[in-house]
């Protein structure tokens, strides 16, 4: 889904920016903030806007930092630690805090460096300078109630490899046009991806690999193999599911026959497994994939979803039930209790609003219409879950003629939720 706010550079550009910034340096200090979004102290928002001392003596003043602090806490039951992950508003707040820390680090150390969200790279001329920089950065972060992640902090001497070997190998892999060679290429490509996935379990290798291959036009003769390899990747690394949906939609639009029975079995197995662990991302995307391909959710999978505490996962399950894709097993007794006026201002407010507004659940009272704020949202047809949107299908490029021919199949809107 296109964002309202985008960065000037993306993460993949760091390897090319890195040598330019480090030209005259001998050492690199690499670190990041531990669990950045979940540990942001909301009261630090006015601190970075107006200064810590001023903010503490003007806690009730009508200044924009206090208003941001209050609004963020209002979205999460008045909790002061953590900001929502995902919204563009959180994106801005994170940058607000990060930029203030950048300024203080530079004022103290005058070091060249790179920051991408909460990842830092600082360039120094000596080991002792890097060690001193780390001490000061830890103190500055602590001032804003943040902690440096010791497991991801290291100092190393330049020059250093600019990227993992697996990244270069996956990115530069060449697919051939002939059916026979392409079949061999698929086996080789995914074998490498699976090998590196096990070797680097924290690096999202399969997500990167599917992003690399998603635009390749695989022949119909090799589709069964390709489809099976994709499904294997979903089991191993569920973060690939959004990319898998892009691929499946592209081939569906191209007239390929998807093995819906095999996909259905994979999706339901994933839902049963990840529901037990409370993994909302994985379950929500499996459900959205099922919705997109009109795949039914099994009774056993629906029963597992019923036990989840994730708002988006259960809301998506209601959407599928409305479409006739969840026909049994979904027990909503606990979730019916969420549909009250009080919960419009609690953690699960989006469920209390959307489930009733869309008519997926019912309430004995018109608590949305009777609320001064949410009644206005309903009157203006404001919704936070749009069941009509869809991810954009991948654009399939021919592997022949040095990838000069492009075959574009279908079009789509932005992501579903």
Protein backbone atom coordinates (compact mmCIF):
# COMPACT_ATOMS: atom_id res chain seq x y z
CA UNK A 1 0.00 0.00 0.00
CA UNK A 2 1.48 3.40 -0.97
CA UNK A 3 2.44 5.49 2.06
CA UNK A 4 1.52 9.12 2.56
CA UNK A 5 5.13 9.76 3.59
CA UNK A 6 8.21 8.20 2.02
CA UNK A 7 11.91 8.30 2.82
CA UNK A 8 14.39 10.00 0.53
CA UNK A 9 16.40 6.75 0.38
CA UNK A 10 15.40 3.13 0.94
CA UNK A 11 17.31 0.57 2.97
CA UNK A 12 18.78 -1.10 -0.11
CA UNK A 13 20.66 2.09 -0.97
CA UNK A 14 22.75 2.01 2.22
CA UNK A 15 25.52 -0.20 0.72
CA UNK A 16 26.10 2.42 -2.00
CA UNK A 17 25.90 5.40 0.40
CA UNK A 18 28.19 3.71 2.94
CA UNK A 19 31.52 4.01 1.04
CA UNK A 20 30.81 7.62 0.11
CA UNK A 21 30.28 8.60 3.74
CA UNK A 22 33.23 6.59 5.12
CA UNK A 23 35.94 7.69 2.68
CA UNK A 24 38.40 9.10 5.23
CA UNK A 25 37.50 6.83 8.16
CA UNK A 26 39.18 3.73 9.58
CA UNK A 27 36.41 2.34 11.82
CA UNK A 28 32.66 1.93 11.83
CA UNK A 29 30.43 1.87 14.90
CA UNK A 30 27.21 0.05 14.04
CA UNK A 31 24.32 0.03 16.53
CA UNK A 32 20.57 0.35 16.82
CA UNK A 33 17.89 1.15 19.35
CA UNK A 34 16.41 -1.89 21.03
CA UNK A 35 12.72 -2.44 20.13
CA UNK A 36 12.36 1.16 18.97
CA UNK A 37 8.61 1.56 18.39
CA UNK A 38 7.46 -0.56 21.39
CA UNK A 39 9.75 1.28 23.83
CA UNK A 40 9.23 4.92 22.80
CA UNK A 41 8.16 6.86 25.89
CA UNK A 42 5.26 9.04 24.74
CA UNK A 43 6.21 11.82 27.18
CA UNK A 44 9.51 12.09 25.29
CA UNK A 45 7.57 13.49 22.32
CA UNK A 46 7.23 16.96 23.93
CA UNK A 47 10.83 16.61 25.17
CA UNK A 48 12.17 16.42 21.60
CA UNK A 49 9.82 19.17 20.46
CA UNK A 50 10.38 21.74 23.22
CA UNK A 51 13.22 20.45 25.40
CA UNK A 52 12.98 18.10 28.38
CA UNK A 53 13.18 20.68 31.14
CA UNK A 54 10.66 23.03 29.53
CA UNK A 55 8.23 20.19 28.88
CA UNK A 56 8.41 18.93 32.45
CA UNK A 57 7.53 22.37 33.81
CA UNK A 58 4.73 22.85 31.23
CA UNK A 59 3.02 19.46 31.38
CA UNK A 60 -0.46 20.94 30.99
CA UNK A 61 0.41 23.69 28.54
CA UNK A 62 -1.30 23.83 25.14
CA UNK A 63 1.82 23.09 23.13
CA UNK A 64 1.92 20.79 20.13
CA UNK A 65 4.30 18.30 21.79
CA UNK A 66 1.81 17.73 24.62
CA UNK A 67 -1.02 17.37 22.13
CA UNK A 68 0.91 14.72 20.18
CA UNK A 69 1.69 12.89 23.43
CA UNK A 70 -1.99 12.91 24.45
CA UNK A 71 -3.25 11.81 21.03
CA UNK A 72 -0.79 8.91 20.87
CA UNK A 73 -1.80 7.72 24.35
CA UNK A 74 -5.46 7.98 23.39
CA UNK A 75 -4.88 5.36 20.69
CA UNK A 76 -3.56 2.80 23.18
CA UNK A 77 -5.57 2.99 26.38
CA UNK A 78 -3.39 5.77 27.88
CA UNK A 79 -0.23 3.66 27.84
CA UNK A 80 2.93 5.79 27.93
CA UNK A 81 5.33 3.21 26.50
CA UNK A 82 5.23 2.31 22.84
CA UNK A 83 3.58 3.81 19.78
CA UNK A 84 1.44 1.93 17.21
CA UNK A 85 3.44 0.08 14.57
CA UNK A 86 2.33 0.76 11.00
CA UNK A 87 0.53 4.12 10.77
CA UNK A 88 2.23 7.01 8.98
CA UNK A 89 1.64 9.09 12.11
CA UNK A 90 3.98 6.76 14.02
CA UNK A 91 6.44 7.02 11.15
CA UNK A 92 6.56 10.81 11.65
CA UNK A 93 6.85 10.59 15.43
CA UNK A 94 9.70 8.08 15.17
CA UNK A 95 11.54 10.43 12.82
CA UNK A 96 10.86 13.36 15.14
CA UNK A 97 12.58 11.52 18.00
CA UNK A 98 15.32 10.09 15.80
CA UNK A 99 16.16 13.48 14.30
CA UNK A 100 16.48 15.09 17.73
CA UNK A 101 18.85 12.32 18.83
CA UNK A 102 20.80 12.81 15.57
CA UNK A 103 21.20 16.50 16.36
CA UNK A 104 22.44 15.87 19.89
CA UNK A 105 24.90 13.19 18.76
CA UNK A 106 26.31 15.51 16.12
CA UNK A 107 26.55 18.46 18.54
CA UNK A 108 28.59 16.34 20.94
CA UNK A 109 30.68 14.22 18.58
CA UNK A 110 30.75 15.91 15.15
CA UNK A 111 30.87 12.48 13.52
CA UNK A 112 29.80 11.55 10.03
CA UNK A 113 27.13 8.89 10.09
CA UNK A 114 24.03 7.31 8.63
CA UNK A 115 20.73 6.61 10.36
CA UNK A 116 17.95 4.54 8.83
CA UNK A 117 14.99 4.56 11.24
CA UNK A 118 16.77 3.13 14.31
CA UNK A 119 19.89 1.70 12.63
CA UNK A 120 23.04 3.79 13.11
CA UNK A 121 26.44 3.76 11.39
CA UNK A 122 29.14 6.17 12.65
CA UNK A 123 32.56 6.60 11.07
CA UNK A 124 35.65 7.26 13.20
CA UNK A 125 39.43 7.42 12.78
CA UNK A 126 40.34 5.25 15.77
CA UNK A 127 39.01 2.43 17.90
CA UNK A 128 39.08 4.60 21.02
CA UNK A 129 37.06 7.29 19.25
CA UNK A 130 34.42 4.70 18.32
CA UNK A 131 34.28 3.39 21.89
CA UNK A 132 33.90 6.90 23.28
CA UNK A 133 31.16 7.60 20.71
CA UNK A 134 29.25 4.49 21.81
CA UNK A 135 29.34 5.62 25.45
CA UNK A 136 27.94 9.04 24.56
CA UNK A 137 25.29 7.63 22.23
CA UNK A 138 24.11 5.31 25.00
CA UNK A 139 23.82 8.28 27.36
CA UNK A 140 21.89 10.40 24.83
CA UNK A 141 19.50 7.52 24.07
CA UNK A 142 18.96 6.90 27.78
CA UNK A 143 18.08 10.59 28.21
CA UNK A 144 15.04 9.90 26.00
CA UNK A 145 14.23 6.60 27.79
CA UNK A 146 15.61 4.45 24.94
CA UNK A 147 18.18 1.65 25.08
CA UNK A 148 20.92 0.68 22.64
CA UNK A 149 20.73 -2.97 21.54
CA UNK A 150 24.01 -4.62 22.68
CA UNK A 151 23.48 -7.67 20.44
CA UNK A 152 23.45 -5.50 17.34
CA UNK A 153 26.27 -3.19 18.39
CA UNK A 154 29.77 -3.70 17.04
CA UNK A 155 32.88 -1.78 16.02
CA UNK A 156 34.86 -2.99 13.04
CA UNK A 157 37.73 -1.81 10.89
CA UNK A 158 37.27 -0.62 7.33
CA UNK A 159 37.12 -1.72 4.59
CA UNK A 160 34.29 -4.14 5.24
CA UNK A 161 32.00 -6.11 2.96
CA UNK A 162 29.11 -3.83 2.03
CA UNK A 163 26.49 -6.56 1.99
CA UNK A 164 26.00 -10.23 2.79
CA UNK A 165 27.28 -12.70 0.20
CA UNK A 166 23.82 -14.22 -0.04
CA UNK A 167 22.34 -10.85 -0.99
CA UNK A 168 24.69 -10.46 -3.97
CA UNK A 169 24.15 -14.03 -5.09
CA UNK A 170 20.35 -13.89 -4.91
CA UNK A 171 20.16 -10.48 -6.57
CA UNK A 172 22.46 -11.37 -9.48
CA UNK A 173 20.96 -14.81 -10.19
CA UNK A 174 20.12 -15.21 -13.90
CA UNK A 175 17.07 -17.08 -15.18
CA UNK A 176 17.05 -18.51 -18.68
CA UNK A 177 14.23 -18.44 -21.20
CA UNK A 178 14.05 -22.06 -22.25
CA UNK A 179 11.63 -24.28 -20.32
CA UNK A 180 14.24 -26.90 -19.44
CA UNK A 181 16.88 -24.42 -18.29
CA UNK A 182 14.30 -22.43 -16.36
CA UNK A 183 13.25 -25.54 -14.43
CA UNK A 184 16.86 -26.14 -13.40
CA UNK A 185 17.22 -22.45 -12.52
CA UNK A 186 14.19 -22.60 -10.22
CA UNK A 187 15.57 -25.58 -8.32
CA UNK A 188 19.01 -23.95 -8.02
CA UNK A 189 17.62 -20.55 -7.00
CA UNK A 190 15.35 -21.87 -4.26
CA UNK A 191 17.99 -24.34 -3.05
CA UNK A 192 20.32 -21.41 -2.49
CA UNK A 193 17.54 -19.40 -0.85
CA UNK A 194 16.63 -22.26 1.52
CA UNK A 195 20.29 -22.84 2.39
CA UNK A 196 20.85 -19.18 3.23
CA UNK A 197 17.53 -19.02 5.10
CA UNK A 198 18.83 -21.62 7.56
CA UNK A 199 22.27 -20.03 7.74
CA UNK A 200 20.92 -16.52 8.38
CA UNK A 201 17.61 -17.09 10.20
CA UNK A 202 17.23 -13.42 11.23
CA UNK A 203 17.82 -11.90 7.79
CA UNK A 204 14.50 -12.57 5.96
CA UNK A 205 16.31 -14.34 3.14
CA UNK A 206 13.17 -15.84 1.58
CA UNK A 207 11.37 -12.50 1.65
CA UNK A 208 14.29 -10.98 -0.26
CA UNK A 209 14.43 -13.96 -2.63
CA UNK A 210 10.74 -13.81 -3.55
CA UNK A 211 11.01 -10.06 -4.07
CA UNK A 212 13.86 -10.84 -6.49
CA UNK A 213 11.97 -13.52 -8.45
CA UNK A 214 8.44 -12.11 -8.37
CA UNK A 215 8.80 -10.26 -11.68
CA UNK A 216 10.26 -13.23 -13.57
CA UNK A 217 7.83 -14.76 -16.06
CA UNK A 218 7.84 -18.49 -15.32
CA UNK A 219 6.57 -20.75 -18.10
CA UNK A 220 3.32 -22.65 -17.75
CA UNK A 221 5.26 -25.91 -17.93
CA UNK A 222 7.20 -24.92 -14.81
CA UNK A 223 4.34 -23.30 -12.93
CA UNK A 224 3.50 -26.34 -10.76
CA UNK A 225 7.10 -26.48 -9.52
CA UNK A 226 7.27 -22.73 -8.96
CA UNK A 227 3.94 -22.68 -7.11
CA UNK A 228 5.08 -25.51 -4.81
CA UNK A 229 8.38 -23.77 -4.05
CA UNK A 230 6.47 -20.60 -3.17
CA UNK A 231 4.19 -22.50 -0.80
CA UNK A 232 7.21 -24.14 0.83
CA UNK A 233 8.62 -20.64 1.36
CA UNK A 234 5.39 -19.56 3.09
CA UNK A 235 5.74 -22.36 5.61
CA UNK A 236 9.40 -21.58 6.28
CA UNK A 237 9.12 -17.78 6.44
CA UNK A 238 5.56 -16.35 6.69
CA UNK A 239 6.82 -12.79 6.12
CA UNK A 240 6.73 -13.67 2.39
CA UNK A 241 2.92 -13.95 2.29
CA UNK A 242 2.26 -10.38 0.99
CA UNK A 243 4.75 -11.00 -1.83
CA UNK A 244 3.20 -14.41 -2.53
CA UNK A 245 -0.16 -12.71 -2.98
CA UNK A 246 1.38 -10.29 -5.51
CA UNK A 247 2.75 -13.28 -7.44
CA UNK A 248 -0.44 -15.34 -7.34
CA UNK A 249 -2.59 -12.42 -8.48
CA UNK A 250 -0.22 -11.75 -11.37
CA UNK A 251 -0.35 -15.35 -12.62
CA UNK A 252 -4.09 -15.55 -12.04
CA UNK A 253 -4.49 -12.49 -14.26
CA UNK A 254 -2.18 -14.11 -16.81
CA UNK A 255 -4.54 -17.09 -17.08
CA UNK A 256 -2.45 -19.65 -15.18
CA UNK A 257 -4.22 -22.40 -13.25
CA UNK A 258 -3.50 -22.08 -9.54
CA UNK A 259 -3.73 -25.27 -7.50
CA UNK A 260 -6.31 -23.93 -5.09
CA UNK A 261 -6.56 -27.18 -3.12
CA UNK A 262 -2.85 -27.13 -2.38
CA UNK A 263 -2.95 -23.42 -1.50
CA UNK A 264 -6.00 -23.99 0.72
CA UNK A 265 -4.22 -26.74 2.65
CA UNK A 266 -1.15 -24.57 3.15
CA UNK A 267 -3.14 -21.55 4.30
CA UNK A 268 -5.20 -23.51 6.81
CA UNK A 269 -2.12 -25.26 8.19
CA UNK A 270 -0.43 -21.90 8.65
CA UNK A 271 -3.49 -20.41 10.36
CA UNK A 272 -3.76 -23.34 12.80
CA UNK A 273 -0.07 -23.11 13.65
CA UNK A 274 0.24 -19.33 14.03
CA UNK A 275 -3.12 -18.80 15.75
CA UNK A 276 -1.90 -20.90 18.68
CA UNK A 277 1.13 -18.60 18.95
CA UNK A 278 -0.95 -15.41 18.69
CA UNK A 279 0.80 -14.29 15.51
CA UNK A 280 -1.59 -11.68 14.15
CA UNK A 281 0.45 -10.70 11.08
CA UNK A 282 0.74 -14.25 9.78
CA UNK A 283 -2.91 -15.14 10.39
CA UNK A 284 -4.24 -11.85 8.97
CA UNK A 285 -2.26 -12.21 5.74
CA UNK A 286 -3.24 -15.87 5.35
CA UNK A 287 -6.86 -14.81 5.67
CA UNK A 288 -6.40 -12.00 3.15
CA UNK A 289 -4.75 -14.42 0.73
CA UNK A 290 -7.71 -16.75 1.17
CA UNK A 291 -10.14 -13.89 0.54
CA UNK A 292 -8.26 -12.84 -2.59
CA UNK A 293 -8.39 -16.34 -4.07
CA UNK A 294 -11.87 -17.25 -2.71
CA UNK A 295 -10.45 -20.07 -0.59
CA UNK A 296 -12.47 -21.47 2.31
CA UNK A 297 -11.15 -21.55 5.86
CA UNK A 298 -11.46 -24.93 7.55
CA UNK A 299 -13.50 -25.46 10.70
CA UNK A 300 -10.35 -26.30 12.71
CA UNK A 301 -8.58 -23.12 11.53
CA UNK A 302 -11.65 -20.99 12.36
CA UNK A 303 -11.77 -22.48 15.86
CA UNK A 304 -8.14 -21.50 16.42
CA UNK A 305 -8.79 -17.94 15.21
CA UNK A 306 -11.61 -17.67 17.76
CA UNK A 307 -9.05 -17.97 20.56
CA UNK A 308 -6.87 -15.14 19.27
CA UNK A 309 -6.57 -11.72 20.85
CA UNK A 310 -5.61 -9.94 17.63
CA UNK A 311 -8.13 -7.38 16.41
CA UNK A 312 -7.17 -7.37 12.72
CA UNK A 313 -7.05 -11.16 12.45
CA UNK A 314 -10.55 -11.58 13.88
CA UNK A 315 -11.91 -8.63 11.89
CA UNK A 316 -10.54 -10.21 8.70
CA UNK A 317 -12.11 -13.52 9.68
CA UNK A 318 -15.47 -11.73 9.99
CA UNK A 319 -14.92 -10.30 6.52
CA UNK A 320 -14.37 -13.81 5.15
CA UNK A 321 -17.41 -15.10 7.01
CA UNK A 322 -19.42 -12.34 5.36
CA UNK A 323 -18.08 -13.57 1.99
CA UNK A 324 -19.09 -17.16 2.80
CA UNK A 325 -15.48 -18.35 3.14
CA UNK A 326 -15.75 -19.11 6.87
CA UNK A 327 -18.79 -21.32 7.27
CA UNK A 328 -18.26 -22.95 10.65
CA UNK A 329 -16.02 -23.05 13.68
CA UNK A 330 -15.77 -19.30 14.34
CA UNK A 331 -16.82 -18.70 17.96
CA UNK A 332 -17.36 -14.98 18.53
CA UNK A 333 -18.77 -15.07 22.05
CA UNK A 334 -15.73 -13.31 23.52
CA UNK A 335 -15.61 -10.78 20.70
CA UNK A 336 -19.29 -9.90 21.02
CA UNK A 337 -18.40 -8.58 24.46
CA UNK A 338 -16.03 -6.09 22.81
CA UNK A 339 -18.93 -4.39 21.04
CA UNK A 340 -19.73 -1.79 23.69
CA UNK A 341 -19.47 1.97 23.92
CA UNK A 342 -16.70 1.72 26.49
CA UNK A 343 -14.50 -0.22 24.08
CA UNK A 344 -14.66 2.57 21.49
CA UNK A 345 -12.03 4.24 23.67
CA UNK A 346 -10.02 1.15 24.57
CA UNK A 347 -7.34 -0.91 22.86
CA UNK A 348 -9.79 -2.78 20.58
CA UNK A 349 -11.67 0.32 19.43
CA UNK A 350 -11.24 -0.50 15.74
CA UNK A 351 -13.09 -3.80 16.23
CA UNK A 352 -15.86 -2.18 18.30
CA UNK A 353 -16.35 0.34 15.49
CA UNK A 354 -15.81 -1.66 12.30
CA UNK A 355 -17.61 -4.89 13.25
CA UNK A 356 -20.82 -2.97 13.98
CA UNK A 357 -20.52 -0.37 11.22
CA UNK A 358 -20.15 -3.06 8.58
CA UNK A 359 -22.98 -5.15 10.06
CA UNK A 360 -20.75 -8.15 10.70
CA UNK A 361 -21.90 -8.19 14.32
CA UNK A 362 -24.88 -6.62 16.05
CA UNK A 363 -25.41 -4.74 19.29
CA UNK A 364 -28.46 -4.18 21.45
CA UNK A 365 -27.68 -0.48 21.64
CA UNK A 366 -26.72 2.05 18.98
CA UNK A 367 -23.55 2.96 20.85
CA UNK A 368 -21.79 4.30 17.74
CA UNK A 369 -24.66 6.56 16.79
CA UNK A 370 -24.95 7.80 20.37
CA UNK A 371 -21.28 8.77 20.61
CA UNK A 372 -20.39 12.36 19.71
CA UNK A 373 -17.13 11.44 17.96
CA UNK A 374 -17.72 8.04 16.37
CA UNK A 375 -21.19 9.02 15.15
CA UNK A 376 -19.50 11.67 12.99
CA UNK A 377 -17.12 9.08 11.57
CA UNK A 378 -20.05 6.82 10.75
CA UNK A 379 -22.02 9.70 9.25
CA UNK A 380 -19.11 10.47 6.91
CA UNK A 381 -18.64 6.77 6.09
CA UNK A 382 -15.12 6.74 7.53
CA UNK A 383 -13.68 3.24 7.68
CA UNK A 384 -10.35 1.83 8.77
CA UNK A 385 -10.74 -1.60 7.17
CA UNK A 386 -11.61 -1.45 3.47
CA UNK A 387 -12.58 -4.89 2.25
CA UNK A 388 -12.65 -3.74 -1.38
CA UNK A 389 -8.95 -2.89 -1.73
CA UNK A 390 -6.24 -5.23 -2.93
CA UNK A 391 -2.49 -5.46 -3.24
CA UNK A 392 -1.00 -4.61 -6.63
CA UNK A 393 -0.13 -7.73 -8.65
CA UNK A 394 3.50 -8.22 -9.63
CA UNK A 395 4.50 -7.15 -13.14
CA UNK A 396 5.84 -10.19 -14.97
CA UNK A 397 8.92 -9.69 -17.17
CA UNK A 398 10.05 -12.13 -19.82
CA UNK A 399 13.41 -13.76 -19.05
CA UNK A 400 14.29 -13.82 -22.72
CA UNK A 401 16.00 -11.08 -24.74
CA UNK A 402 17.87 -9.85 -21.68
CA UNK A 403 14.61 -9.00 -19.93
CA UNK A 404 13.73 -6.30 -22.45
CA UNK A 405 10.18 -7.48 -23.07
CA UNK A 406 7.66 -6.74 -20.35
CA UNK A 407 4.32 -8.45 -19.96
CA UNK A 408 2.03 -6.59 -17.60
CA UNK A 409 -0.99 -8.49 -16.38
CA UNK A 410 -3.82 -6.77 -14.59
CA UNK A 411 -3.85 -3.89 -12.17
CA UNK A 412 -4.94 -3.37 -8.62
CA UNK A 413 -5.46 -0.90 -5.87
CA UNK A 414 -3.55 -0.46 -2.66
CA UNK A 415 -3.12 -3.09 0.03
CA UNK A 416 -6.16 -4.45 1.82
CA UNK A 417 -5.50 -3.24 5.36
